[in-house]
Amino acid sequence: MKGLLVYTTKDAQVNGWFINHLIEEAEKLGAELELVLCDDAVAFDAKLYENYDFCINRSRFHEINCKLKAFGVRCFNNTKTIEIANDKYKTHELCRALGVPVMETCLFTKESAESIEYPCVLKSVSGHGGKEVFWLNSKEDLQSTTLEPHKQYILQKPCSHTGVDVRVYVLGGEIVAGVKRSSENSFRSNYTLGGKAEVFEVTKEQRQAISCLQKELQTDYAGFDFILHNGEWVLNEIEDAVGSRMLYSLYDFDIVILLLKYILTPLQS
């Protein structure tokens, strides 16, 4: 059994332990897992891996899945999940179509920047880990914010309770853990940005939202992030290449082993 583990160079540099753990545990389960760094999906040559059995795609490039599919290589996460989850606006539009509660959101344009009420939050649609997120109190704040011309952004109404969110980890359609993150110093509560984390009991409403999205996306392993607005947990985003640091700090199970068994058991049977 031979598998491919795809990361961007930048992400691989900060996820060394997780990568090595995946490779080591895969070997124990009878699979060879090879790390491949890819910073350009267009240049990815899928023919080099036509004899591989599966791919764990942590690069956030859904195009890699499309290329590997031509050779019958099963990819985790699936193509639709990677495409939707790594675009905050597509995630928002999917939630609206399915009736999943989300914050009021629009694409950033000159017109929307003129008409939106301040304060608001400006986000890159492709950002992750709390990066490329800006709090804007006025049009002057927007004018002083440096935006990358090749990127797309959204403007979003801020939730009523900033600095706190909940991440729900889902594996194979099953909820495996809930974590509440909070920060006293920032409206962003990300653990990697210094936020605090604690075990959280997933609510009925969060389970319903996840179930609705799972029927559409069929995610393999992902994080569903919720923010609190007027007493209601609303979906903020879906993390495709979801980080696991909080799980190892708060729980006593090994998510890597669970993930690999989920992937390998059907392939080895």
C-alpha atoms as a PDB file:
ATOM      1  CA  MET A   1       0.000   0.000   0.000  1.00  0.00           C
ATOM      2  CA  LYS A   2       1.530   3.273  -1.181  1.00  0.00           C
ATOM      3  CA  GLY A   3       0.341   6.772  -0.402  1.00  0.00           C
ATOM      4  CA  LEU A   4       1.159  10.373  -1.142  1.00  0.00           C
ATOM      5  CA  LEU A   5       1.266  13.179   1.427  1.00  0.00           C
ATOM      6  CA  VAL A   6       1.123  16.596  -0.231  1.00  0.00           C
ATOM      7  CA  TYR A   7       2.017  19.864   1.505  1.00  0.00           C
ATOM      8  CA  THR A   8       3.134  23.294   0.424  1.00  0.00           C
ATOM      9  CA  THR A   9       6.713  24.085   1.400  1.00  0.00           C
ATOM     10  CA  LYS A  10       5.604  26.782   3.847  1.00  0.00           C
ATOM     11  CA  ASP A  11       3.101  24.561   5.641  1.00  0.00           C
ATOM     12  CA  ALA A  12       5.516  21.642   5.783  1.00  0.00           C
ATOM     13  CA  GLN A  13       8.046  23.815   7.602  1.00  0.00           C
ATOM     14  CA  VAL A  14       5.665  24.367  10.528  1.00  0.00           C
ATOM     15  CA  ASN A  15       4.080  20.913  10.559  1.00  0.00           C
ATOM     16  CA  GLY A  16       7.164  18.724  10.750  1.00  0.00           C
ATOM     17  CA  TRP A  17       6.046  16.713  13.767  1.00  0.00           C
ATOM     18  CA  PHE A  18       2.620  15.980  12.295  1.00  0.00           C
ATOM     19  CA  ILE A  19       4.146  14.954   8.958  1.00  0.00           C
ATOM     20  CA  ASN A  20       6.692  12.608  10.551  1.00  0.00           C
ATOM     21  CA  HIS A  21       4.022  11.123  12.796  1.00  0.00           C
ATOM     22  CA  LEU A  22       1.798  10.407   9.789  1.00  0.00           C
ATOM     23  CA  ILE A  23       4.651   8.699   7.939  1.00  0.00           C
ATOM     24  CA  GLU A  24       5.734   6.640  10.968  1.00  0.00           C
ATOM     25  CA  GLU A  25       2.230   5.496  11.913  1.00  0.00           C
ATOM     26  CA  ALA A  26       1.365   4.692   8.294  1.00  0.00           C
ATOM     27  CA  GLU A  27       4.366   2.355   8.162  1.00  0.00           C
ATOM     28  CA  LYS A  28       3.142   0.567  11.304  1.00  0.00           C
ATOM     29  CA  LEU A  29      -0.183   0.022   9.555  1.00  0.00           C
ATOM     30  CA  GLY A  30       1.466  -1.442   6.453  1.00  0.00           C
ATOM     31  CA  ALA A  31       1.528   1.620   4.210  1.00  0.00           C
ATOM     32  CA  GLU A  32       4.358   3.649   2.717  1.00  0.00           C
ATOM     33  CA  LEU A  33       3.623   7.366   2.842  1.00  0.00           C
ATOM     34  CA  GLU A  34       5.757   9.703   0.745  1.00  0.00           C
ATOM     35  CA  LEU A  35       5.954  13.455   1.373  1.00  0.00           C
ATOM     36  CA  VAL A  36       5.751  15.636  -1.733  1.00  0.00           C
ATOM     37  CA  LEU A  37       6.027  19.424  -1.590  1.00  0.00           C
ATOM     38  CA  CYS A  38       3.930  21.362  -4.069  1.00  0.00           C
ATOM     39  CA  ASP A  39       3.637  25.133  -4.338  1.00  0.00           C
ATOM     40  CA  ASP A  40       2.115  25.204  -7.810  1.00  0.00           C
ATOM     41  CA  ALA A  41      -0.839  22.953  -8.633  1.00  0.00           C
ATOM     42  CA  VAL A  42      -0.434  23.638 -12.348  1.00  0.00           C
ATOM     43  CA  ALA A  43       3.071  22.153 -12.323  1.00  0.00           C
ATOM     44  CA  PHE A  44       2.033  19.056 -10.328  1.00  0.00           C
ATOM     45  CA  ASP A  45       2.721  15.969 -12.462  1.00  0.00           C
ATOM     46  CA  ALA A  46       0.175  13.348 -11.432  1.00  0.00           C
ATOM     47  CA  LYS A  47       1.625  10.775 -13.835  1.00  0.00           C
ATOM     48  CA  LEU A  48       4.573  10.377 -11.452  1.00  0.00           C
ATOM     49  CA  TYR A  49       2.149   8.913  -8.921  1.00  0.00           C
ATOM     50  CA  GLU A  50      -0.146   6.826 -11.126  1.00  0.00           C
ATOM     51  CA  ASN A  51       0.736   3.655  -9.199  1.00  0.00           C
ATOM     52  CA  TYR A  52      -0.081   5.111  -5.786  1.00  0.00           C
ATOM     53  CA  ASP A  53      -3.163   3.960  -3.891  1.00  0.00           C
ATOM     54  CA  PHE A  54      -4.161   7.141  -2.077  1.00  0.00           C
ATOM     55  CA  CYS A  55      -3.252  10.752  -1.407  1.00  0.00           C
ATOM     56  CA  ILE A  56      -3.574  12.824   1.755  1.00  0.00           C
ATOM     57  CA  ASN A  57      -3.769  16.268   0.202  1.00  0.00           C
ATOM     58  CA  ARG A  58      -2.898  18.976   2.747  1.00  0.00           C
ATOM     59  CA  SER A  59      -1.817  21.508   0.117  1.00  0.00           C
ATOM     60  CA  ARG A  60      -5.261  23.152  -0.211  1.00  0.00           C
ATOM     61  CA  PHE A  61      -5.016  22.743  -4.019  1.00  0.00           C
ATOM     62  CA  HIS A  62      -8.124  20.910  -5.214  1.00  0.00           C
ATOM     63  CA  GLU A  63      -6.631  20.775  -8.707  1.00  0.00           C
ATOM     64  CA  ILE A  64      -4.189  18.105  -7.502  1.00  0.00           C
ATOM     65  CA  ASN A  65      -7.147  15.849  -6.721  1.00  0.00           C
ATOM     66  CA  CYS A  66      -8.521  16.352 -10.215  1.00  0.00           C
ATOM     67  CA  LYS A  67      -5.222  15.284 -11.740  1.00  0.00           C
ATOM     68  CA  LEU A  68      -4.791  12.237  -9.513  1.00  0.00           C
ATOM     69  CA  LYS A  69      -8.372  11.104 -10.077  1.00  0.00           C
ATOM     70  CA  ALA A  70      -7.479  10.380 -13.722  1.00  0.00           C
ATOM     71  CA  PHE A  71      -5.162   7.630 -12.444  1.00  0.00           C
ATOM     72  CA  GLY A  72      -7.616   6.234  -9.918  1.00  0.00           C
ATOM     73  CA  VAL A  73      -5.830   7.656  -6.862  1.00  0.00           C
ATOM     74  CA  ARG A  74      -8.258   8.221  -3.965  1.00  0.00           C
ATOM     75  CA  CYS A  75      -7.738  11.636  -2.335  1.00  0.00           C
ATOM     76  CA  PHE A  76      -8.434  12.829   1.216  1.00  0.00           C
ATOM     77  CA  ASN A  77     -10.089  15.330   1.537  1.00  0.00           C
ATOM     78  CA  ASN A  78     -12.237  15.004  -1.547  1.00  0.00           C
ATOM     79  CA  THR A  79     -12.125  17.592  -4.307  1.00  0.00           C
ATOM     80  CA  LYS A  80     -15.347  19.418  -3.385  1.00  0.00           C
ATOM     81  CA  THR A  81     -14.341  19.807   0.246  1.00  0.00           C
ATOM     82  CA  ILE A  82     -10.933  21.241  -0.632  1.00  0.00           C
ATOM     83  CA  GLU A  83     -12.429  23.673  -3.150  1.00  0.00           C
ATOM     84  CA  ILE A  84     -15.259  24.936  -0.932  1.00  0.00           C
ATOM     85  CA  ALA A  85     -13.475  24.939   2.424  1.00  0.00           C
ATOM     86  CA  ASN A  86     -10.503  26.925   1.110  1.00  0.00           C
ATOM     87  CA  ASP A  87     -12.708  29.697  -0.250  1.00  0.00           C
ATOM     88  CA  LYS A  88     -14.533  31.600   2.486  1.00  0.00           C
ATOM     89  CA  TYR A  89     -17.041  33.096   0.062  1.00  0.00           C
ATOM     90  CA  LYS A  90     -17.921  29.731  -1.480  1.00  0.00           C
ATOM     91  CA  THR A  91     -18.342  28.372   2.049  1.00  0.00           C
ATOM     92  CA  HIS A  92     -20.668  31.262   2.894  1.00  0.00           C
ATOM     93  CA  GLU A  93     -22.733  30.774  -0.261  1.00  0.00           C
ATOM     94  CA  LEU A  94     -23.055  27.021   0.368  1.00  0.00           C
ATOM     95  CA  CYS A  95     -24.243  27.671   3.916  1.00  0.00           C
ATOM     96  CA  ARG A  96     -26.818  30.175   2.696  1.00  0.00           C
ATOM     97  CA  ALA A  97     -28.097  27.709   0.094  1.00  0.00           C
ATOM     98  CA  LEU A  98     -28.435  24.991   2.736  1.00  0.00           C
ATOM     99  CA  GLY A  99     -29.940  27.231   5.400  1.00  0.00           C
ATOM    100  CA  VAL A 100     -26.946  26.972   7.743  1.00  0.00           C
ATOM    101  CA  PRO A 101     -26.662  30.167   9.874  1.00  0.00           C
ATOM    102  CA  VAL A 102     -23.751  32.462   8.888  1.00  0.00           C
ATOM    103  CA  MET A 103     -22.806  36.104   9.341  1.00  0.00           C
ATOM    104  CA  GLU A 104     -23.863  38.696   6.784  1.00  0.00           C
ATOM    105  CA  THR A 105     -21.137  38.603   4.119  1.00  0.00           C
ATOM    106  CA  CYS A 106     -20.384  40.119   0.721  1.00  0.00           C
ATOM    107  CA  LEU A 107     -17.529  40.106  -1.749  1.00  0.00           C
ATOM    108  CA  PHE A 108     -15.192  43.066  -1.390  1.00  0.00           C
ATOM    109  CA  THR A 109     -15.628  45.582  -4.192  1.00  0.00           C
ATOM    110  CA  LYS A 110     -15.446  49.364  -4.339  1.00  0.00           C
ATOM    111  CA  GLU A 111     -19.248  49.437  -4.227  1.00  0.00           C
ATOM    112  CA  SER A 112     -19.603  47.093  -1.245  1.00  0.00           C
ATOM    113  CA  ALA A 113     -16.889  48.976   0.657  1.00  0.00           C
ATOM    114  CA  GLU A 114     -18.917  52.165   0.203  1.00  0.00           C
ATOM    115  CA  SER A 115     -22.217  50.686   1.328  1.00  0.00           C
ATOM    116  CA  ILE A 116     -21.202  48.397   4.210  1.00  0.00           C
ATOM    117  CA  GLU A 117     -21.669  49.461   7.809  1.00  0.00           C
ATOM    118  CA  TYR A 118     -18.595  49.806   9.997  1.00  0.00           C
ATOM    119  CA  PRO A 119     -17.097  48.219  12.005  1.00  0.00           C
ATOM    120  CA  CYS A 120     -16.670  45.174   9.781  1.00  0.00           C
ATOM    121  CA  VAL A 121     -14.176  42.379   9.190  1.00  0.00           C
ATOM    122  CA  LEU A 122     -12.163  42.065   6.000  1.00  0.00           C
ATOM    123  CA  LYS A 123     -10.865  38.595   5.098  1.00  0.00           C
ATOM    124  CA  SER A 124      -8.976  37.030   2.246  1.00  0.00           C
ATOM    125  CA  VAL A 125     -11.129  34.207   0.869  1.00  0.00           C
ATOM    126  CA  SER A 126      -8.090  31.895   0.876  1.00  0.00           C
ATOM    127  CA  GLY A 127      -6.562  32.849   4.235  1.00  0.00           C
ATOM    128  CA  HIS A 128      -6.249  30.367   7.084  1.00  0.00           C
ATOM    129  CA  GLY A 129      -4.947  30.218  10.640  1.00  0.00           C
ATOM    130  CA  GLY A 130      -6.343  33.657  11.456  1.00  0.00           C
ATOM    131  CA  LYS A 131      -4.080  35.325   8.919  1.00  0.00           C
ATOM    132  CA  GLU A 132      -5.211  37.888   6.329  1.00  0.00           C
ATOM    133  CA  VAL A 133      -8.052  38.959   8.633  1.00  0.00           C
ATOM    134  CA  PHE A 134      -8.497  42.674   9.409  1.00  0.00           C
ATOM    135  CA  TRP A 135     -10.800  44.585  11.735  1.00  0.00           C
ATOM    136  CA  LEU A 136     -12.023  47.793  10.125  1.00  0.00           C
ATOM    137  CA  ASN A 137     -13.610  50.579  12.159  1.00  0.00           C
ATOM    138  CA  SER A 138     -13.954  52.978   9.232  1.00  0.00           C
ATOM    139  CA  LYS A 139     -13.294  53.568   5.537  1.00  0.00           C
ATOM    140  CA  GLU A 140      -9.998  55.116   6.604  1.00  0.00           C
ATOM    141  CA  ASP A 141      -8.958  51.783   8.134  1.00  0.00           C
ATOM    142  CA  LEU A 142      -9.751  50.113   4.842  1.00  0.00           C
ATOM    143  CA  GLN A 143      -7.702  52.635   2.894  1.00  0.00           C
ATOM    144  CA  SER A 144      -4.695  52.057   5.146  1.00  0.00           C
ATOM    145  CA  THR A 145      -4.913  48.246   4.862  1.00  0.00           C
ATOM    146  CA  THR A 146      -2.540  46.693   2.348  1.00  0.00           C
ATOM    147  CA  LEU A 147      -4.366  44.220   0.116  1.00  0.00           C
ATOM    148  CA  GLU A 148      -2.747  41.844  -2.336  1.00  0.00           C
ATOM    149  CA  PRO A 149      -4.068  42.668  -5.823  1.00  0.00           C
ATOM    150  CA  HIS A 150      -4.251  39.051  -6.994  1.00  0.00           C
ATOM    151  CA  LYS A 151      -6.388  37.937  -4.032  1.00  0.00           C
ATOM    152  CA  GLN A 152     -10.119  38.080  -3.481  1.00  0.00           C
ATOM    153  CA  TYR A 153     -11.574  39.394  -0.220  1.00  0.00           C
ATOM    154  CA  ILE A 154     -14.875  39.401   1.635  1.00  0.00           C
ATOM    155  CA  LEU A 155     -16.432  41.937   3.985  1.00  0.00           C
ATOM    156  CA  GLN A 156     -18.306  40.498   6.943  1.00  0.00           C
ATOM    157  CA  LYS A 157     -20.468  41.826   9.729  1.00  0.00           C
ATOM    158  CA  PRO A 158     -18.696  41.091  13.045  1.00  0.00           C
ATOM    159  CA  CYS A 159     -20.330  38.710  15.490  1.00  0.00           C
ATOM    160  CA  SER A 160     -21.605  39.993  18.828  1.00  0.00           C
ATOM    161  CA  HIS A 161     -19.060  37.958  20.845  1.00  0.00           C
ATOM    162  CA  THR A 162     -15.608  38.481  19.340  1.00  0.00           C
ATOM    163  CA  GLY A 163     -12.502  36.658  20.526  1.00  0.00           C
ATOM    164  CA  VAL A 164     -14.235  33.306  21.031  1.00  0.00           C
ATOM    165  CA  ASP A 165     -15.078  30.423  18.721  1.00  0.00           C
ATOM    166  CA  VAL A 166     -15.588  26.680  18.690  1.00  0.00           C
ATOM    167  CA  ARG A 167     -13.884  24.177  16.415  1.00  0.00           C
ATOM    168  CA  VAL A 168     -15.597  20.830  15.900  1.00  0.00           C
ATOM    169  CA  TYR A 169     -13.373  18.072  14.509  1.00  0.00           C
ATOM    170  CA  VAL A 170     -15.117  15.660  12.163  1.00  0.00           C
ATOM    171  CA  LEU A 171     -13.664  12.398  10.843  1.00  0.00           C
ATOM    172  CA  GLY A 172     -15.567  10.249   8.382  1.00  0.00           C
ATOM    173  CA  GLY A 173     -18.763  12.134   9.098  1.00  0.00           C
ATOM    174  CA  GLU A 174     -18.486  11.537  12.861  1.00  0.00           C
ATOM    175  CA  ILE A 175     -17.772  14.254  15.433  1.00  0.00           C
ATOM    176  CA  VAL A 176     -14.614  13.294  17.339  1.00  0.00           C
ATOM    177  CA  ALA A 177     -14.027  16.397  19.470  1.00  0.00           C
ATOM    178  CA  GLY A 178     -15.052  19.952  20.244  1.00  0.00           C
ATOM    179  CA  VAL A 179     -12.690  22.724  21.322  1.00  0.00           C
ATOM    180  CA  LYS A 180     -13.531  26.233  22.482  1.00  0.00           C
ATOM    181  CA  ARG A 181     -10.901  28.865  21.713  1.00  0.00           C
ATOM    182  CA  SER A 182     -10.762  32.295  23.298  1.00  0.00           C
ATOM    183  CA  SER A 183      -8.530  35.350  23.356  1.00  0.00           C
ATOM    184  CA  GLU A 184      -8.523  38.355  25.651  1.00  0.00           C
ATOM    185  CA  ASN A 185      -6.218  40.351  23.374  1.00  0.00           C
ATOM    186  CA  SER A 186      -7.664  39.911  19.879  1.00  0.00           C
ATOM    187  CA  PHE A 187     -10.950  39.439  18.042  1.00  0.00           C
ATOM    188  CA  ARG A 188      -9.235  36.368  16.551  1.00  0.00           C
ATOM    189  CA  SER A 189      -9.168  33.371  18.874  1.00  0.00           C
ATOM    190  CA  ASN A 190      -6.820  31.073  16.919  1.00  0.00           C
ATOM    191  CA  TYR A 191      -4.726  28.733  19.079  1.00  0.00           C
ATOM    192  CA  THR A 192      -1.621  29.352  16.948  1.00  0.00           C
ATOM    193  CA  LEU A 193      -2.020  33.104  17.581  1.00  0.00           C
ATOM    194  CA  GLY A 194      -1.959  32.663  21.332  1.00  0.00           C
ATOM    195  CA  GLY A 195      -5.598  31.894  22.063  1.00  0.00           C
ATOM    196  CA  LYS A 196      -6.629  29.632  24.945  1.00  0.00           C
ATOM    197  CA  ALA A 197      -8.246  26.265  24.284  1.00  0.00           C
ATOM    198  CA  GLU A 198     -10.576  24.089  26.347  1.00  0.00           C
ATOM    199  CA  VAL A 199     -12.753  21.016  25.816  1.00  0.00           C
ATOM    200  CA  PHE A 200     -16.233  21.912  24.535  1.00  0.00           C
ATOM    201  CA  GLU A 201     -19.431  19.876  24.417  1.00  0.00           C
ATOM    202  CA  VAL A 202     -20.778  20.219  20.881  1.00  0.00           C
ATOM    203  CA  THR A 203     -24.311  21.636  20.860  1.00  0.00           C
ATOM    204  CA  LYS A 204     -27.368  20.225  19.125  1.00  0.00           C
ATOM    205  CA  GLU A 205     -27.458  23.208  16.756  1.00  0.00           C
ATOM    206  CA  GLN A 206     -23.802  22.739  15.789  1.00  0.00           C
ATOM    207  CA  ARG A 207     -24.413  19.050  15.134  1.00  0.00           C
ATOM    208  CA  GLN A 208     -27.348  19.896  12.888  1.00  0.00           C
ATOM    209  CA  ALA A 209     -25.294  22.409  10.892  1.00  0.00           C
ATOM    210  CA  ILE A 210     -22.441  19.931  10.472  1.00  0.00           C
ATOM    211  CA  SER A 211     -24.816  17.151   9.450  1.00  0.00           C
ATOM    212  CA  CYS A 212     -26.322  19.412   6.794  1.00  0.00           C
ATOM    213  CA  LEU A 213     -22.905  20.356   5.406  1.00  0.00           C
ATOM    214  CA  GLN A 214     -21.630  16.770   5.579  1.00  0.00           C
ATOM    215  CA  LYS A 215     -24.464  15.573   3.341  1.00  0.00           C
ATOM    216  CA  GLU A 216     -23.249  18.030   0.713  1.00  0.00           C
ATOM    217  CA  LEU A 217     -19.468  17.812   1.132  1.00  0.00           C
ATOM    218  CA  GLN A 218     -18.766  14.306   2.510  1.00  0.00           C
ATOM    219  CA  THR A 219     -15.599  15.580   4.209  1.00  0.00           C
ATOM    220  CA  ASP A 220     -13.069  13.005   5.366  1.00  0.00           C
ATOM    221  CA  TYR A 221     -11.264  14.980   8.073  1.00  0.00           C
ATOM    222  CA  ALA A 222     -12.015  18.641   8.679  1.00  0.00           C
ATOM    223  CA  GLY A 223     -12.693  21.293  11.292  1.00  0.00           C
ATOM    224  CA  PHE A 224     -15.982  23.186  11.419  1.00  0.00           C
ATOM    225  CA  ASP A 225     -15.539  26.573  13.100  1.00  0.00           C
ATOM    226  CA  PHE A 226     -18.421  28.388  14.800  1.00  0.00           C
ATOM    227  CA  ILE A 227     -18.629  31.918  16.192  1.00  0.00           C
ATOM    228  CA  LEU A 228     -21.174  33.240  18.695  1.00  0.00           C
ATOM    229  CA  HIS A 229     -23.676  35.867  17.567  1.00  0.00           C
ATOM    230  CA  ASN A 230     -26.595  36.997  19.728  1.00  0.00           C
ATOM    231  CA  GLY A 231     -26.590  33.713  21.626  1.00  0.00           C
ATOM    232  CA  GLU A 232     -26.447  31.526  18.495  1.00  0.00           C
ATOM    233  CA  TRP A 233     -23.468  29.564  17.188  1.00  0.00           C
ATOM    234  CA  VAL A 234     -23.101  30.376  13.470  1.00  0.00           C
ATOM    235  CA  LEU A 235     -20.750  28.709  11.005  1.00  0.00           C
ATOM    236  CA  ASN A 236     -17.664  30.824  10.383  1.00  0.00           C
ATOM    237  CA  GLU A 237     -15.563  28.593   8.142  1.00  0.00           C
ATOM    238  CA  ILE A 238     -14.507  25.040   7.365  1.00  0.00           C
ATOM    239  CA  GLU A 239     -10.860  24.059   7.784  1.00  0.00           C
ATOM    240  CA  ASP A 240      -9.800  21.491   5.202  1.00  0.00           C
ATOM    241  CA  ALA A 241      -6.146  20.988   6.244  1.00  0.00           C
ATOM    242  CA  VAL A 242      -7.226  21.351   9.851  1.00  0.00           C
ATOM    243  CA  GLY A 243      -4.558  21.660  12.533  1.00  0.00           C
ATOM    244  CA  SER A 244      -4.477  19.147  15.386  1.00  0.00           C
ATOM    245  CA  ARG A 245      -2.349  20.831  18.050  1.00  0.00           C
ATOM    246  CA  MET A 246      -5.357  21.489  20.264  1.00  0.00           C
ATOM    247  CA  LEU A 247      -6.445  17.859  20.103  1.00  0.00           C
ATOM    248  CA  TYR A 248      -3.085  16.626  21.361  1.00  0.00           C
ATOM    249  CA  SER A 249      -3.064  19.201  24.144  1.00  0.00           C
ATOM    250  CA  LEU A 250      -6.609  18.467  25.368  1.00  0.00           C
ATOM    251  CA  TYR A 251      -7.483  14.869  24.462  1.00  0.00           C
ATOM    252  CA  ASP A 252      -5.820  11.497  25.017  1.00  0.00           C
ATOM    253  CA  PHE A 253      -6.557   9.917  21.605  1.00  0.00           C
ATOM    254  CA  ASP A 254      -4.233  10.096  18.604  1.00  0.00           C
ATOM    255  CA  ILE A 255      -6.019  11.688  15.652  1.00  0.00           C
ATOM    256  CA  VAL A 256      -3.273  10.570  13.250  1.00  0.00           C
ATOM    257  CA  ILE A 257      -3.926   6.895  14.013  1.00  0.00           C
ATOM    258  CA  LEU A 258      -7.683   7.392  13.696  1.00  0.00           C
ATOM    259  CA  LEU A 259      -7.243   9.207  10.371  1.00  0.00           C
ATOM    260  CA  LEU A 260      -4.918   6.567   8.934  1.00  0.00           C
ATOM    261  CA  LYS A 261      -7.210   3.711   9.970  1.00  0.00           C
ATOM    262  CA  TYR A 262     -10.125   5.537   8.383  1.00  0.00           C
ATOM    263  CA  ILE A 263      -8.172   5.830   5.118  1.00  0.00           C
ATOM    264  CA  LEU A 264      -6.384   2.477   5.056  1.00  0.00           C
ATOM    265  CA  THR A 265      -8.955   0.000   6.377  1.00  0.00           C
ATOM    266  CA  PRO A 266     -11.273   0.200   3.311  1.00  0.00           C
ATOM    267  CA  LEU A 267      -8.301   0.209   0.914  1.00  0.00           C
ATOM    268  CA  GLN A 268      -6.671  -2.834   2.525  1.00  0.00           C
ATOM    269  CA  SER A 269      -9.830  -4.932   2.722  1.00  0.00           C
END
